[in-house]
Amino acid sequence: MVRLIALLTLAFALLAPAPAQVLAHRSWQFQQPDWDTFSAAIPCAASEGINRIQLSHHIVMDAEELWQGRDHDKKLAFVKRAVALAHRYHLAVDMWTHELSGVPPELRDGKRVRLSPELWQWLDKKYEKLFTLVPDLDGLVLTFAETDYPIYKDDAVISTATPVARVVKMIDVLSAVCARHDKQLIVRTFVYEPNEIAWIGEALTAVARQSGARHNITVMTKCVPHDWQPYYPYNPLLGRVGGLPQVVEMDLGQEFTGKNHLLYGEVEYVRAVLAYARRCGVVGAVARVERYGDRALGTPNAVNLHAFCRLLQDPSPTADTLWHEWAEARYGADAAPAVIAALRRTYDITNLTLFPLGQWIADHTRVPGWDYAIDHLRQRATALWIPAPRDDLIQQALLHPDWDTLDRVSEEKDLARRLIELTLRDLNRAGPYLSEEDFTRLSSYLEFAADNVEVFRHHNLALLATLAAEQATSLQTRQDYAAEAWKQLGEVRESANLMERRYGADALPGNPARLRAFANTVEQHLRELP
């Protein structure tokens, strides 16, 4: 009998599901030096199973900001205070830096930096100074782009070494100084172009193959190849960094999808990204929880943070489970089903509003100016990353629009409005189970979303009709498109007035001043038509 029980116990153990796979690196990133909100978020992060945080953007972008320049003393004080608080909650702290930055004149030659032994010595001393000022810091996050002198660019540095070799050298120098102080170096792979991504990947593979390679290097890779566009493919560097430990970076601060002014329930997207990243072998993930002062915490978009944190601990919960866990805790079991049905649509509503035919033109969520929109249609279309006929055709349709293009864009805004109507219906079903405050707040989000749909409808159509008029080959066709453009131009100006009247001069995304500036540019284009 004892033997039988033992065999049965073993059999059930073999049939039982494997223990949850907890990712080792679980991080939130903070961008705004607002102590009240930061200090409130730290215990929340710890309670959600986060074990690291990152300080970046307006808190610090370059190491030298802590000892030189405007308000450097305040920045240093914030960083030291933040590190101390995080450590009390057993959270490691990584600080962003961008290199090369702050290079002294004697190491520069005109607009370029000489890559010389003296430069590397200067860089080493720079980080010795940093770790002297903030000895309890746990790691650095190194970004090669968005700095004074991107090391991989020939127009930024003077060197006979290849771009790949330069990146390898930078990693070697910074990982060495970090290793001396028992700090981690997190190498962020963010760059702008496909060939630059390839260079970074080659450099990381080379670093991984070096004899005596340091063990304090982790790679941090965005889930997408460039910026936070929901229609972009996965980053080609995921799982392709030579075997170095890698974490995936996600944006739950919604930099390009409403900055938490718009509802954006992306639980399914978060789950898909983390599932793919796990298949690529990542050891963890980093999520932005704010875009400067616009935070997910305290808004309905916090559902995305809940999904992120739960999936770092255990990949098995379904999207339905994640939605129900959060909604029942936040709004109650009776209200949850209708609230979930409502909020699930907001992912599509916001995408349809901001991304015409799935393409990036919005300026970090804001209404874009003419040049920004056209440049991004040309240079940042999905076709840049996916060499597929469908994406090429969409890009060309927007760059060379016709009446069908205008109809398609208008129809997607119609769909967004229809989804808002369905969402309001579900919200009304939840109404009896919601507090008055919650019902009013959710209703206000949806009313705001509906107004922004119309803002971007008229903006997009004014842009496209004007482009079509400029490209028309006959006088009658030009006049027809111009008439439509003038009509939409009037709607843009009226939208600016409406947004200012209802939401104030600082409304986002449909900012009144930006709408008026765009309208002025469109008018200039129309008046210059032959």
Protein backbone atom coordinates (compact mmCIF):
# COMPACT_ATOMS: atom_id res chain seq x y z
CA MET A 1 0.00 0.00 0.00
CA VAL A 2 2.80 2.43 0.89
CA ARG A 3 4.48 1.65 -2.42
CA LEU A 4 1.17 2.20 -4.28
CA ILE A 5 0.65 5.55 -2.58
CA ALA A 6 4.20 6.55 -3.45
CA LEU A 7 3.70 5.60 -7.10
CA LEU A 8 0.40 7.46 -7.27
CA THR A 9 2.02 10.51 -5.69
CA LEU A 10 4.81 10.41 -8.28
CA ALA A 11 2.31 9.98 -11.10
CA PHE A 12 0.25 12.97 -9.99
CA ALA A 13 3.44 15.00 -9.59
CA LEU A 14 4.41 14.21 -13.18
CA LEU A 15 0.96 15.14 -14.41
CA ALA A 16 0.82 18.36 -12.40
CA PRO A 17 1.64 21.62 -14.21
CA ALA A 18 5.21 22.86 -13.94
CA PRO A 19 5.88 25.64 -11.46
CA ALA A 20 5.24 29.12 -12.84
CA GLN A 21 8.21 30.52 -14.72
CA VAL A 22 9.07 33.75 -12.94
CA LEU A 23 11.24 36.07 -15.03
CA ALA A 24 14.28 37.23 -13.09
CA HIS A 25 14.35 40.86 -14.28
CA ARG A 26 11.05 42.67 -13.58
CA SER A 27 11.26 46.43 -13.94
CA TRP A 28 9.23 49.62 -14.12
CA GLN A 29 10.63 52.78 -15.69
CA PHE A 30 9.95 56.27 -14.31
CA GLN A 31 10.44 59.51 -16.26
CA GLN A 32 9.19 62.43 -14.17
CA PRO A 33 10.88 63.85 -11.03
CA ASP A 34 7.62 64.21 -9.13
CA TRP A 35 8.38 62.92 -5.67
CA ASP A 36 4.81 62.53 -4.45
CA THR A 37 3.74 60.26 -7.31
CA PHE A 38 7.08 58.46 -7.45
CA SER A 39 7.11 57.69 -3.74
CA ALA A 40 3.53 56.39 -3.96
CA ALA A 41 4.39 54.18 -6.94
CA ILE A 42 7.39 52.45 -5.34
CA PRO A 43 5.45 50.40 -2.76
CA CYS A 44 2.92 49.62 -5.50
CA ALA A 45 5.72 48.30 -7.72
CA ALA A 46 7.05 46.11 -4.93
CA SER A 47 3.59 44.73 -4.17
CA GLU A 48 3.18 43.80 -7.86
CA GLY A 49 6.36 41.70 -7.82
CA ILE A 50 8.63 44.24 -9.51
CA ASN A 51 12.27 43.92 -8.41
CA ARG A 52 13.98 46.76 -10.31
CA ILE A 53 13.19 50.28 -11.46
CA GLN A 54 14.72 52.61 -14.02
CA LEU A 55 15.19 56.38 -13.74
CA SER A 56 15.15 58.12 -17.11
CA HIS A 57 14.07 61.05 -19.31
CA HIS A 58 13.21 64.10 -17.19
CA ILE A 59 14.75 62.48 -14.12
CA VAL A 60 18.07 61.90 -15.90
CA MET A 61 19.17 61.22 -19.47
CA ASP A 62 22.95 61.73 -19.27
CA ALA A 63 25.26 61.03 -16.34
CA GLU A 64 26.79 64.50 -16.29
CA GLU A 65 23.39 66.05 -15.57
CA LEU A 66 24.00 65.10 -11.94
CA TRP A 67 27.00 67.42 -11.54
CA GLN A 68 26.74 70.09 -14.21
CA GLY A 69 24.13 72.16 -15.96
CA ARG A 70 20.83 73.58 -14.84
CA ASP A 71 19.35 72.13 -11.63
CA HIS A 72 22.03 69.45 -11.43
CA ASP A 73 21.93 69.59 -7.63
CA LYS A 74 18.18 68.92 -7.64
CA LYS A 75 18.59 66.04 -10.09
CA LEU A 76 21.29 64.49 -7.94
CA ALA A 77 19.21 64.89 -4.80
CA PHE A 78 16.21 63.24 -6.47
CA VAL A 79 18.26 60.30 -7.76
CA LYS A 80 19.88 59.66 -4.37
CA ARG A 81 16.55 59.91 -2.58
CA ALA A 82 14.91 57.63 -5.16
CA VAL A 83 17.65 55.00 -4.79
CA ALA A 84 17.30 55.03 -1.01
CA LEU A 85 13.52 54.64 -1.14
CA ALA A 86 13.64 51.88 -3.75
CA HIS A 87 16.19 49.95 -1.73
CA ARG A 88 13.93 50.07 1.31
CA TYR A 89 11.44 48.12 -0.80
CA HIS A 90 14.16 45.77 -2.10
CA LEU A 91 14.10 47.25 -5.61
CA ALA A 92 17.35 47.62 -7.54
CA VAL A 93 17.78 50.93 -9.37
CA ASP A 94 19.16 51.43 -12.88
CA MET A 95 19.83 54.90 -14.25
CA TRP A 96 19.71 55.91 -17.90
CA THR A 97 22.62 57.44 -19.72
CA HIS A 98 23.34 58.22 -23.39
CA GLU A 99 26.80 58.13 -24.91
CA LEU A 100 28.62 59.97 -26.23
CA SER A 101 27.46 63.10 -24.42
CA GLY A 102 29.19 66.01 -22.71
CA VAL A 103 32.48 65.43 -24.51
CA PRO A 104 34.98 68.22 -23.71
CA PRO A 105 36.25 70.45 -26.56
CA GLU A 106 39.79 69.06 -26.53
CA LEU A 107 38.46 65.64 -27.56
CA ARG A 108 36.38 66.99 -30.42
CA ASP A 109 37.28 68.05 -33.93
CA GLY A 110 34.63 70.38 -35.29
CA LYS A 111 31.29 68.62 -35.11
CA ARG A 112 32.81 65.18 -34.54
CA VAL A 113 34.51 63.36 -31.69
CA ARG A 114 37.90 61.67 -32.11
CA LEU A 115 37.78 58.09 -30.86
CA SER A 116 41.12 58.00 -29.08
CA PRO A 117 42.68 56.52 -25.93
CA GLU A 118 42.15 59.91 -24.29
CA LEU A 119 38.42 59.76 -25.02
CA TRP A 120 38.06 56.33 -23.42
CA GLN A 121 40.03 57.49 -20.38
CA TRP A 122 37.74 60.50 -20.06
CA LEU A 123 34.69 58.26 -20.31
CA ASP A 124 36.02 55.92 -17.64
CA LYS A 125 36.62 58.83 -15.27
CA LYS A 126 33.14 60.19 -15.97
CA TYR A 127 31.54 57.05 -14.60
CA GLU A 128 33.98 56.79 -11.75
CA LYS A 129 32.65 60.20 -10.76
CA LEU A 130 29.05 59.03 -11.14
CA PHE A 131 29.55 56.04 -8.85
CA THR A 132 31.32 58.27 -6.34
CA LEU A 133 28.29 60.57 -6.26
CA VAL A 134 25.71 57.77 -6.23
CA PRO A 135 27.52 54.70 -4.87
CA ASP A 136 24.30 52.77 -4.17
CA LEU A 137 23.11 52.84 -7.78
CA ASP A 138 22.74 49.27 -9.08
CA GLY A 139 23.21 49.72 -12.81
CA LEU A 140 23.33 51.86 -15.93
CA VAL A 141 21.09 51.76 -19.00
CA LEU A 142 23.23 52.69 -22.00
CA THR A 143 21.56 54.05 -25.13
CA PHE A 144 23.65 54.80 -28.23
CA ALA A 145 21.04 56.95 -30.01
CA GLU A 146 19.57 60.36 -29.09
CA THR A 147 22.89 61.62 -27.80
CA ASP A 148 25.35 64.32 -28.84
CA TYR A 149 27.56 61.96 -30.84
CA PRO A 150 26.05 58.60 -31.82
CA ILE A 151 29.13 56.38 -31.94
CA TYR A 152 27.93 54.31 -34.89
CA LYS A 153 27.50 57.33 -37.18
CA ASP A 154 30.38 58.43 -39.41
CA ASP A 155 29.25 62.04 -39.29
CA ALA A 156 29.48 62.04 -35.47
CA VAL A 157 32.88 60.44 -34.83
CA ILE A 158 36.36 60.30 -36.35
CA SER A 159 37.56 56.71 -36.43
CA THR A 160 38.97 54.09 -38.76
CA ALA A 161 37.00 51.39 -36.88
CA THR A 162 33.73 50.05 -38.23
CA PRO A 163 30.43 51.05 -36.59
CA VAL A 164 30.23 47.56 -35.08
CA ALA A 165 33.72 47.81 -33.58
CA ARG A 166 32.93 51.22 -32.12
CA VAL A 167 29.82 49.91 -30.36
CA VAL A 168 31.84 46.96 -29.00
CA LYS A 169 34.46 49.35 -27.62
CA MET A 170 31.82 51.48 -25.91
CA ILE A 171 30.31 48.42 -24.25
CA ASP A 172 33.78 47.23 -23.18
CA VAL A 173 34.67 50.55 -21.55
CA LEU A 174 31.39 51.00 -19.69
CA SER A 175 31.05 47.37 -18.63
CA ALA A 176 34.59 47.53 -17.20
CA VAL A 177 33.90 50.55 -15.02
CA CYS A 178 30.57 49.04 -13.96
CA ALA A 179 32.27 45.75 -13.08
CA ARG A 180 34.80 47.52 -10.85
CA HIS A 181 31.89 48.85 -8.81
CA ASP A 182 29.81 45.65 -8.98
CA LYS A 183 27.17 47.35 -11.15
CA GLN A 184 25.10 46.04 -14.05
CA LEU A 185 25.38 47.49 -17.55
CA ILE A 186 22.09 47.28 -19.42
CA VAL A 187 22.76 47.86 -23.12
CA ARG A 188 19.70 49.34 -24.78
CA THR A 189 19.49 48.47 -28.47
CA PHE A 190 17.26 51.37 -29.58
CA VAL A 191 18.37 52.99 -32.86
CA TYR A 192 16.50 54.36 -35.87
CA GLU A 193 17.23 52.45 -39.08
CA PRO A 194 17.36 48.79 -40.15
CA ASN A 195 21.09 48.92 -40.90
CA GLU A 196 21.74 50.43 -37.45
CA ILE A 197 19.79 47.62 -35.80
CA ALA A 198 21.98 45.16 -37.70
CA TRP A 199 25.15 46.87 -36.42
CA ILE A 200 23.97 46.72 -32.83
CA GLY A 201 23.13 43.04 -33.19
CA GLU A 202 26.55 42.25 -34.66
CA ALA A 203 28.25 44.19 -31.87
CA LEU A 204 26.38 42.33 -29.14
CA THR A 205 27.19 38.99 -30.73
CA ALA A 206 30.85 40.01 -30.83
CA VAL A 207 30.75 41.02 -27.16
CA ALA A 208 29.17 37.71 -26.23
CA ARG A 209 31.93 35.80 -28.04
CA GLN A 210 34.84 37.64 -26.46
CA SER A 211 37.08 35.50 -24.31
CA GLY A 212 36.59 36.48 -20.70
CA ALA A 213 33.36 38.29 -21.53
CA ARG A 214 31.99 40.12 -18.52
CA HIS A 215 28.94 38.77 -16.76
CA ASN A 216 27.49 42.15 -15.81
CA ILE A 217 25.96 42.86 -19.24
CA THR A 218 22.23 42.61 -19.99
CA VAL A 219 20.63 43.63 -23.28
CA MET A 220 17.41 45.68 -23.30
CA THR A 221 15.42 45.56 -26.55
CA LYS A 222 12.17 47.25 -27.46
CA CYS A 223 9.39 44.90 -28.49
CA VAL A 224 9.19 46.83 -31.78
CA PRO A 225 12.05 47.83 -34.12
CA HIS A 226 11.74 51.60 -33.69
CA ASP A 227 9.17 53.57 -31.72
CA TRP A 228 5.99 52.48 -30.01
CA GLN A 229 3.70 51.80 -32.94
CA PRO A 230 1.05 49.08 -32.38
CA TYR A 231 1.17 48.07 -36.07
CA TYR A 232 4.93 47.48 -36.12
CA PRO A 233 6.36 43.95 -36.16
CA TYR A 234 8.47 42.41 -33.41
CA ASN A 235 12.00 43.69 -33.02
CA PRO A 236 14.37 41.51 -35.07
CA LEU A 237 16.94 41.58 -32.23
CA LEU A 238 14.72 39.68 -29.82
CA GLY A 239 16.52 36.39 -29.21
CA ARG A 240 19.39 37.40 -31.50
CA VAL A 241 22.05 38.97 -29.28
CA GLY A 242 24.63 36.22 -29.20
CA GLY A 243 23.25 34.56 -26.10
CA LEU A 244 23.61 37.55 -23.78
CA PRO A 245 20.81 37.86 -21.21
CA GLN A 246 18.06 40.00 -22.72
CA VAL A 247 15.01 41.86 -21.43
CA VAL A 248 12.16 43.21 -23.54
CA GLU A 249 11.10 46.85 -23.21
CA MET A 250 7.44 47.87 -23.46
CA ASP A 251 5.64 51.20 -23.29
CA LEU A 252 2.70 51.21 -20.91
CA GLY A 253 3.01 54.97 -20.50
CA GLN A 254 1.34 55.25 -23.95
CA GLU A 255 3.73 57.78 -25.49
CA PHE A 256 2.17 57.36 -28.95
CA THR A 257 -1.27 56.06 -27.98
CA GLY A 258 -2.84 58.79 -25.91
CA LYS A 259 -0.42 59.32 -23.00
CA ASN A 260 -3.17 57.99 -20.73
CA HIS A 261 -5.47 60.87 -21.70
CA LEU A 262 -7.22 58.29 -23.89
CA LEU A 263 -8.35 54.87 -22.72
CA TYR A 264 -6.14 52.13 -24.15
CA GLY A 265 -6.76 48.63 -22.84
CA GLU A 266 -4.01 46.57 -24.44
CA VAL A 267 -4.04 43.43 -22.27
CA GLU A 268 -4.10 41.15 -25.32
CA TYR A 269 -1.16 43.02 -26.88
CA VAL A 270 0.86 42.86 -23.65
CA ARG A 271 0.19 39.15 -23.37
CA ALA A 272 1.18 38.50 -27.00
CA VAL A 273 4.42 40.47 -26.67
CA LEU A 274 5.50 38.78 -23.46
CA ALA A 275 4.63 35.33 -24.83
CA TYR A 276 6.74 36.00 -27.93
CA ALA A 277 9.58 37.44 -25.83
CA ARG A 278 9.57 34.35 -23.62
CA ARG A 279 9.84 32.18 -26.73
CA CYS A 280 12.88 34.28 -27.67
CA GLY A 281 14.47 33.47 -24.31
CA VAL A 282 14.26 36.78 -22.47
CA VAL A 283 15.12 36.84 -18.78
CA GLY A 284 12.81 39.73 -18.00
CA ALA A 285 10.94 42.81 -19.08
CA VAL A 286 10.83 46.57 -18.51
CA ALA A 287 7.66 48.66 -18.74
CA ARG A 288 7.38 52.42 -18.92
CA VAL A 289 4.63 53.37 -16.49
CA GLU A 290 4.38 57.04 -17.48
CA ARG A 291 5.18 59.49 -20.20
CA TYR A 292 6.62 62.34 -18.21
CA GLY A 293 3.74 63.51 -16.02
CA ASP A 294 1.07 61.42 -17.75
CA ARG A 295 0.80 58.17 -15.80
CA ALA A 296 -1.00 54.88 -16.23
CA LEU A 297 -1.25 54.39 -12.49
CA GLY A 298 -4.54 55.71 -11.20
CA THR A 299 -6.25 55.46 -14.60
CA PRO A 300 -8.19 52.59 -16.21
CA ASN A 301 -5.06 51.95 -18.28
CA ALA A 302 -3.56 50.45 -15.13
CA VAL A 303 -5.11 47.19 -16.34
CA ASN A 304 -2.12 46.94 -18.68
CA LEU A 305 0.30 47.19 -15.76
CA HIS A 306 -1.60 44.47 -13.94
CA ALA A 307 -1.32 42.19 -16.97
CA PHE A 308 2.38 42.97 -17.37
CA CYS A 309 3.24 42.22 -13.75
CA ARG A 310 1.17 39.03 -13.56
CA LEU A 311 2.68 37.65 -16.76
CA LEU A 312 6.21 38.23 -15.51
CA GLN A 313 5.39 35.89 -12.66
CA ASP A 314 3.39 33.34 -14.63
CA PRO A 315 2.81 33.15 -18.41
CA SER A 316 -0.31 30.99 -18.17
CA PRO A 317 -3.20 33.41 -17.35
CA THR A 318 -5.47 34.07 -20.32
CA ALA A 319 -6.42 37.57 -21.38
CA ASP A 320 -9.91 36.95 -19.98
CA THR A 321 -8.42 36.00 -16.61
CA LEU A 322 -6.23 39.09 -16.51
CA TRP A 323 -9.11 41.40 -17.41
CA HIS A 324 -11.39 39.84 -14.78
CA GLU A 325 -8.77 39.92 -12.02
CA TRP A 326 -8.23 43.62 -12.49
CA ALA A 327 -11.82 44.70 -13.20
CA GLU A 328 -13.30 42.79 -10.27
CA ALA A 329 -10.72 44.22 -7.88
CA ARG A 330 -11.18 47.76 -9.25
CA TYR A 331 -14.93 47.95 -10.01
CA GLY A 332 -16.49 44.93 -8.32
CA ALA A 333 -17.69 41.56 -9.58
CA ASP A 334 -21.12 42.82 -10.66
CA ALA A 335 -19.77 45.66 -12.78
CA ALA A 336 -16.76 43.77 -14.17
CA PRO A 337 -18.30 41.98 -17.21
CA ALA A 338 -19.74 45.15 -18.74
CA VAL A 339 -16.70 47.26 -17.84
CA ILE A 340 -14.42 44.70 -19.48
CA ALA A 341 -16.55 44.62 -22.63
CA ALA A 342 -16.33 48.41 -22.75
CA LEU A 343 -12.63 48.85 -22.05
CA ARG A 344 -11.51 46.05 -24.38
CA ARG A 345 -12.64 48.09 -27.37
CA THR A 346 -10.50 51.08 -26.43
CA TYR A 347 -7.38 49.50 -27.97
CA ASP A 348 -9.03 49.56 -31.40
CA ILE A 349 -10.75 52.91 -30.83
CA THR A 350 -7.48 54.71 -30.10
CA ASN A 351 -5.56 52.95 -32.88
CA LEU A 352 -8.25 53.81 -35.44
CA THR A 353 -8.19 57.41 -34.24
CA LEU A 354 -4.45 58.04 -34.31
CA PHE A 355 -3.07 55.76 -37.06
CA PRO A 356 -4.64 56.32 -40.51
CA LEU A 357 -4.71 52.92 -42.22
CA GLY A 358 -2.31 51.73 -39.53
CA GLN A 359 0.43 54.27 -40.27
CA TRP A 360 2.32 56.55 -37.90
CA ILE A 361 1.75 60.27 -38.36
CA ALA A 362 0.78 61.51 -34.87
CA ASP A 363 3.55 63.44 -33.14
CA HIS A 364 3.99 61.53 -29.88
CA THR A 365 0.18 61.36 -29.60
CA ARG A 366 -0.22 65.05 -30.49
CA VAL A 367 -1.81 66.38 -33.67
CA PRO A 368 1.07 66.45 -36.17
CA GLY A 369 2.16 69.34 -38.30
CA TRP A 370 2.28 68.96 -42.08
CA ASP A 371 6.01 68.19 -42.34
CA TYR A 372 5.99 65.72 -39.44
CA ALA A 373 3.08 63.78 -40.93
CA ILE A 374 4.53 63.62 -44.45
CA ASP A 375 8.03 62.72 -43.24
CA HIS A 376 6.69 59.86 -41.13
CA LEU A 377 4.55 58.53 -43.96
CA ARG A 378 7.70 58.46 -46.08
CA GLN A 379 10.30 57.35 -43.56
CA ARG A 380 8.52 55.47 -40.76
CA ALA A 381 5.79 53.53 -42.55
CA THR A 382 5.24 49.91 -41.58
CA ALA A 383 6.69 49.04 -44.99
CA LEU A 384 10.13 50.06 -43.67
CA TRP A 385 10.12 47.00 -41.41
CA ILE A 386 7.86 44.59 -43.30
CA PRO A 387 8.77 44.18 -46.98
CA ALA A 388 5.27 43.05 -47.86
CA PRO A 389 3.00 44.15 -50.74
CA ARG A 390 0.12 45.14 -48.44
CA ASP A 391 2.27 47.56 -46.45
CA ASP A 392 3.85 49.04 -49.58
CA LEU A 393 0.39 49.60 -51.03
CA ILE A 394 -0.88 51.31 -47.88
CA GLN A 395 2.11 53.64 -47.79
CA GLN A 396 1.67 54.56 -51.43
CA ALA A 397 -2.08 55.09 -50.99
CA LEU A 398 -1.42 57.67 -48.27
CA LEU A 399 1.44 59.39 -50.07
CA HIS A 400 -0.54 59.50 -53.35
CA PRO A 401 -4.15 59.65 -52.14
CA ASP A 402 -7.31 59.48 -54.21
CA TRP A 403 -11.00 59.52 -53.32
CA ASP A 404 -10.84 55.88 -52.30
CA THR A 405 -8.06 56.69 -49.81
CA LEU A 406 -10.11 59.51 -48.31
CA ASP A 407 -13.12 57.20 -48.03
CA ARG A 408 -11.08 54.47 -46.31
CA VAL A 409 -9.68 56.90 -43.75
CA SER A 410 -13.10 58.40 -43.07
CA GLU A 411 -14.61 54.92 -42.73
CA GLU A 412 -12.09 53.92 -40.08
CA LYS A 413 -13.08 57.00 -38.08
CA ASP A 414 -16.72 55.94 -38.53
CA LEU A 415 -15.77 52.55 -37.11
CA ALA A 416 -14.10 54.21 -34.13
CA ARG A 417 -17.28 56.20 -33.47
CA ARG A 418 -19.39 53.03 -33.71
CA LEU A 419 -17.12 51.25 -31.24
CA ILE A 420 -17.48 54.20 -28.86
CA GLU A 421 -21.28 53.89 -29.10
CA LEU A 422 -21.06 50.18 -28.24
CA THR A 423 -18.70 50.99 -25.39
CA LEU A 424 -21.09 53.57 -23.97
CA ARG A 425 -23.84 50.98 -24.18
CA ASP A 426 -21.79 48.55 -22.11
CA LEU A 427 -20.85 51.29 -19.68
CA ASN A 428 -24.54 52.04 -19.15
CA ARG A 429 -25.10 48.34 -18.39
CA ALA A 430 -22.41 48.59 -15.73
CA GLY A 431 -23.81 51.87 -14.41
CA PRO A 432 -26.01 50.43 -11.60
CA TYR A 433 -22.98 48.67 -10.14
CA LEU A 434 -20.52 51.55 -10.42
CA SER A 435 -19.99 54.45 -8.10
CA GLU A 436 -21.15 57.78 -9.46
CA GLU A 437 -17.54 58.92 -9.59
CA ASP A 438 -16.39 55.91 -11.63
CA PHE A 439 -19.34 56.09 -14.02
CA THR A 440 -18.81 59.80 -14.62
CA ARG A 441 -15.09 59.38 -15.12
CA LEU A 442 -15.40 56.55 -17.62
CA SER A 443 -18.13 58.43 -19.49
CA SER A 444 -15.89 61.48 -19.69
CA TYR A 445 -13.06 59.43 -21.19
CA LEU A 446 -15.40 58.18 -23.91
CA GLU A 447 -16.82 61.62 -24.69
CA PHE A 448 -13.27 62.91 -24.99
CA ALA A 449 -12.38 60.00 -27.27
CA ALA A 450 -15.34 60.77 -29.54
CA ASP A 451 -14.27 64.40 -29.90
CA ASN A 452 -10.72 63.31 -30.76
CA VAL A 453 -11.99 60.94 -33.44
CA GLU A 454 -13.48 63.95 -35.21
CA VAL A 455 -10.33 66.02 -34.69
CA PHE A 456 -8.19 63.39 -36.41
CA ARG A 457 -10.82 62.69 -39.08
CA HIS A 458 -10.74 66.29 -40.28
CA HIS A 459 -6.97 66.59 -39.82
CA ASN A 460 -6.28 63.43 -41.83
CA LEU A 461 -8.75 64.32 -44.58
CA ALA A 462 -7.44 67.89 -44.89
CA LEU A 463 -3.91 66.52 -45.24
CA LEU A 464 -4.83 63.87 -47.79
CA ALA A 465 -7.15 66.04 -49.89
CA THR A 466 -4.47 68.74 -50.10
CA LEU A 467 -1.86 66.17 -51.14
CA ALA A 468 -4.25 64.86 -53.78
CA ALA A 469 -4.86 68.39 -55.08
CA GLU A 470 -1.13 69.08 -55.32
CA GLN A 471 -0.59 65.85 -57.27
CA ALA A 472 -3.62 66.17 -59.57
CA THR A 473 -2.88 66.12 -63.30
CA SER A 474 -6.00 67.92 -64.49
CA LEU A 475 -7.51 71.26 -63.53
CA GLN A 476 -10.93 69.81 -62.70
CA THR A 477 -9.51 67.06 -60.50
CA ARG A 478 -7.32 69.60 -58.69
CA GLN A 479 -10.30 71.84 -58.08
CA ASP A 480 -12.40 68.94 -56.77
CA TYR A 481 -9.76 67.85 -54.27
CA ALA A 482 -9.07 71.45 -53.31
CA ALA A 483 -12.76 72.01 -52.58
CA GLU A 484 -12.71 69.00 -50.24
CA ALA A 485 -9.52 70.25 -48.60
CA TRP A 486 -11.04 73.71 -47.97
CA LYS A 487 -14.10 72.02 -46.47
CA GLN A 488 -11.99 69.90 -44.12
CA LEU A 489 -9.85 72.92 -43.30
CA GLY A 490 -12.91 74.69 -41.95
CA GLU A 491 -13.73 71.63 -39.85
CA VAL A 492 -10.18 71.58 -38.46
CA ARG A 493 -10.52 75.18 -37.32
CA GLU A 494 -13.90 74.45 -35.76
CA SER A 495 -12.44 71.39 -34.03
CA ALA A 496 -9.75 73.61 -32.50
CA ASN A 497 -12.42 75.92 -31.11
CA LEU A 498 -14.46 73.01 -29.77
CA MET A 499 -11.48 71.36 -28.05
CA GLU A 500 -10.44 74.63 -26.44
CA ARG A 501 -13.97 75.35 -25.31
CA ARG A 502 -14.54 71.90 -23.81
CA TYR A 503 -11.08 70.89 -22.60
CA GLY A 504 -8.88 73.97 -22.46
CA ALA A 505 -5.86 75.22 -24.35
CA ASP A 506 -3.65 72.31 -23.26
CA ALA A 507 -5.95 69.53 -24.54
CA LEU A 508 -4.17 66.42 -25.80
CA PRO A 509 -4.20 64.80 -28.36
CA GLY A 510 -6.42 67.35 -30.15
CA ASN A 511 -4.45 70.41 -29.10
CA PRO A 512 -6.11 73.66 -30.26
CA ALA A 513 -2.87 75.54 -31.00
CA ARG A 514 -1.42 72.66 -33.01
CA LEU A 515 -4.67 72.30 -34.94
CA ARG A 516 -4.62 75.98 -35.84
CA ALA A 517 -0.95 75.84 -36.87
CA PHE A 518 -1.69 72.84 -39.07
CA ALA A 519 -4.69 74.62 -40.59
CA ASN A 520 -2.51 77.63 -41.45
CA THR A 521 -0.02 75.36 -43.23
CA VAL A 522 -2.77 73.59 -45.18
CA GLU A 523 -4.22 76.95 -46.21
CA GLN A 524 -0.80 78.05 -47.46
CA HIS A 525 -0.49 74.87 -49.56
CA LEU A 526 -3.96 75.39 -51.02
CA ARG A 527 -3.31 79.02 -51.91
CA GLU A 528 -0.12 78.00 -53.72
CA LEU A 529 -1.92 75.55 -55.99
CA PRO A 530 -1.57 76.43 -59.71
